[in-house]
Protein backbone atom coordinates (compact mmCIF):
# COMPACT_ATOMS: atom_id res chain seq x y z
CA MET A 1 111.06 126.15 134.09
CA ALA A 2 111.39 124.10 137.27
CA SER A 3 108.52 121.82 136.25
CA ASN A 4 110.46 121.08 133.08
CA GLY A 5 113.62 120.16 135.02
CA PHE A 6 115.39 123.54 134.65
CA ALA A 7 115.58 124.32 138.37
CA SER A 8 118.79 126.37 138.29
CA GLN A 9 117.54 128.51 135.41
CA ALA A 10 114.24 129.10 137.23
CA ARG A 11 116.07 130.31 140.33
CA ARG A 12 118.69 132.48 138.67
CA SER A 13 116.58 134.07 135.97
CA SER A 14 114.71 137.30 136.32
CA ASP A 15 111.20 137.88 135.00
CA LYS A 16 112.78 139.87 132.17
CA VAL A 17 114.83 136.85 131.10
CA LEU A 18 112.08 134.28 131.61
CA PHE A 19 109.30 136.23 129.93
CA GLY A 20 111.20 138.55 127.61
CA ASN A 21 113.20 135.93 125.76
CA ASP A 22 111.51 133.96 122.99
CA GLU A 23 113.37 130.71 123.79
CA TYR A 24 112.28 130.65 127.43
CA TYR A 25 108.85 132.04 126.66
CA ASN A 26 108.21 129.35 124.04
CA LYS A 27 109.13 126.63 126.53
CA LEU A 28 106.87 128.15 129.15
CA CYS A 29 103.96 128.69 126.80
CA ASN A 30 103.62 125.16 125.53
CA LEU A 31 99.89 124.75 126.07
CA ASP A 32 100.26 120.98 126.17
CA ASN A 33 102.09 121.41 129.50
CA VAL A 34 99.74 123.84 131.26
CA ASP A 35 98.54 121.10 133.63
CA LYS A 36 102.13 120.27 134.56
CA TYR A 37 102.91 123.95 135.15
CA TYR A 38 99.88 124.26 137.42
CA PHE A 39 101.06 121.19 139.31
CA GLY A 40 104.51 122.79 139.73
CA TYR A 41 102.87 125.97 140.99
CA LEU A 42 100.94 123.97 143.60
CA CYS A 43 104.20 122.37 144.73
CA TYR A 44 105.81 125.81 145.02
CA GLU A 45 102.93 127.13 147.11
CA LEU A 46 103.11 124.09 149.39
CA LEU A 47 106.80 124.82 149.93
CA ASN A 48 105.99 128.42 150.83
CA GLN A 49 103.45 127.19 153.37
CA GLU A 50 105.99 124.77 154.83
CA GLN A 51 108.57 127.55 155.12
CA LYS A 52 106.12 129.73 157.07
CA LYS A 53 106.03 127.06 159.79
CA TYR A 54 109.67 127.86 160.56
CA GLU A 55 109.61 131.68 160.36
CA LYS A 56 109.64 132.20 164.12
CA SER A 57 111.90 129.29 164.98
CA SER A 58 115.21 130.47 166.39
CA ASN A 59 116.71 126.97 166.29
CA ASN A 60 115.46 125.90 162.86
CA LYS A 61 115.19 129.02 160.68
CA PHE A 62 113.95 128.14 157.19
CA GLY A 63 113.61 124.53 158.36
CA VAL A 64 117.33 123.97 157.75
CA VAL A 65 117.61 121.32 160.46
CA THR A 66 114.64 119.45 159.02
CA TYR A 67 115.11 119.90 155.25
CA GLY A 68 118.55 121.36 154.69
CA ASN A 69 118.44 124.36 152.38
CA ALA A 70 115.43 123.13 150.40
CA LEU A 71 113.09 125.85 151.65
CA ARG A 72 115.59 128.69 151.72
CA TYR A 73 117.43 128.27 148.41
CA GLY A 74 116.18 125.06 146.83
CA LYS A 75 112.45 125.55 146.24
CA MET A 76 112.82 125.38 142.46
CA ALA A 77 114.88 122.20 142.81
CA VAL A 78 112.21 120.64 145.01
CA VAL A 79 109.55 121.65 142.46
CA ALA A 80 111.58 119.94 139.73
CA VAL A 81 111.79 116.73 141.77
CA ALA A 82 108.20 116.83 143.03
CA SER A 83 106.96 117.38 139.46
CA LYS A 84 107.88 113.81 138.63
CA HIS A 85 104.74 112.90 140.62
CA PHE A 86 102.62 114.66 138.01
CA LYS A 87 100.56 112.38 135.80
CA LYS A 88 98.62 113.86 132.90
CA GLU A 89 95.73 111.47 133.42
CA ILE A 90 94.91 112.58 136.99
CA ASP A 91 91.80 114.66 137.63
CA LEU A 92 92.08 118.30 138.56
CA GLU A 93 90.74 117.46 142.02
CA GLU A 94 93.68 115.11 142.57
CA TYR A 95 96.36 117.70 141.78
CA LEU A 96 96.68 119.06 145.30
CA SER A 97 96.94 115.68 147.02
CA ARG A 98 99.40 114.49 144.38
CA ALA A 99 101.45 117.70 144.79
CA GLU A 100 101.46 117.22 148.57
CA GLU A 101 102.67 113.67 148.05
CA GLY A 102 105.44 114.83 145.71
CA VAL A 103 106.63 117.62 147.98
CA LYS A 104 106.60 115.39 151.06
CA ALA A 105 108.52 112.62 149.28
CA SER A 106 111.07 115.09 147.91
CA LEU A 107 111.66 116.87 151.21
CA SER A 108 112.09 113.57 153.04
CA GLN A 109 115.20 112.91 150.92
CA TRP A 110 116.63 116.42 150.90
CA LEU A 111 119.17 116.14 153.70
CA ASP A 112 120.64 113.04 152.04
CA PHE A 113 120.68 114.83 148.68
CA GLU A 114 122.59 117.78 150.13
CA ASN A 115 125.08 115.43 151.77
CA TYR A 116 125.53 113.68 148.40
CA ILE A 117 126.11 116.88 146.39
CA SER A 118 128.53 118.32 148.93
CA GLU A 119 130.90 115.42 148.30
CA LEU A 120 130.92 115.57 144.49
CA LYS A 121 134.14 116.84 142.90
CA GLN A 122 132.15 118.81 140.33
CA ASN A 123 130.68 120.88 143.18
CA GLU A 124 133.93 121.88 144.85
CA ASP A 125 133.27 125.52 143.90
CA TYR A 126 130.27 125.45 146.25
CA PHE A 127 131.48 123.07 148.99
CA ARG A 128 135.11 123.04 150.02
CA ILE A 129 137.43 122.75 152.95
CA ILE A 130 139.56 125.79 153.69
CA LYS A 131 142.01 126.53 156.50
CA ASP A 132 141.24 129.43 158.78
CA GLU A 133 143.93 131.77 160.11
CA THR A 134 144.61 129.38 163.02
CA GLY A 135 145.15 126.42 160.69
CA TYR A 136 141.87 124.65 161.43
CA ASP A 137 139.86 123.16 158.59
CA ILE A 138 136.53 124.82 157.91
CA PHE A 139 133.92 123.37 155.59
CA GLU A 140 132.75 126.30 153.50
CA VAL A 141 129.33 125.96 151.86
CA ASN A 142 127.57 128.14 149.31
CA TYR A 143 124.07 126.77 148.83
CA ASP A 144 122.81 130.06 147.46
CA ASN A 145 125.01 129.81 144.38
CA TYR A 146 124.73 126.04 144.13
CA TYR A 147 120.96 126.21 143.68
CA LYS A 148 121.47 128.61 140.75
CA GLY A 149 124.59 126.90 139.50
CA ARG A 150 125.75 124.83 136.57
CA THR A 151 125.63 121.39 138.22
CA LEU A 152 122.23 121.46 139.96
CA ASN A 153 120.09 120.12 137.12
CA SER A 154 122.36 117.17 136.39
CA ASP A 155 122.73 116.40 140.12
CA LEU A 156 118.94 116.32 140.48
CA LYS A 157 118.58 114.03 137.48
CA LYS A 158 121.24 111.67 138.74
CA TYR A 159 120.13 111.53 142.37
CA PHE A 160 116.35 111.59 141.94
CA CYS A 161 116.15 109.92 138.50
CA ILE A 162 114.12 112.74 136.95
């Protein structure tokens, strides 16, 4: 789903929904896209490897300082963006290097992307300023729901031109 640009659906859907529903299953089982799906899988595995680098970091858990919430909540979104680096005419041997290139390019822009989305009016359900009990403004963020939410796919398309 993420390789096809449906990052929020990929993150919020269970296996039962993805593989038990004819509509989703038919999209996933388009044999013409198997190469693209494999490419997306490689991107996902690269993100898992990158996340492992930060497992023991007390100051940068999940690589949040480096990549925002890309590794914690946004892996499917990164796969969707990195998948634009897929080209059907590349050789199988080139898939990994091309996937590495796509993931690296996507992650390098992720902090700017998260800054961009946090300021969009359409995302005020996920990012908003509230007053605490002392009257101070607090910026409340909900990346977990954003990365499964209704605006993610269109935000990715607009920001990354996918």
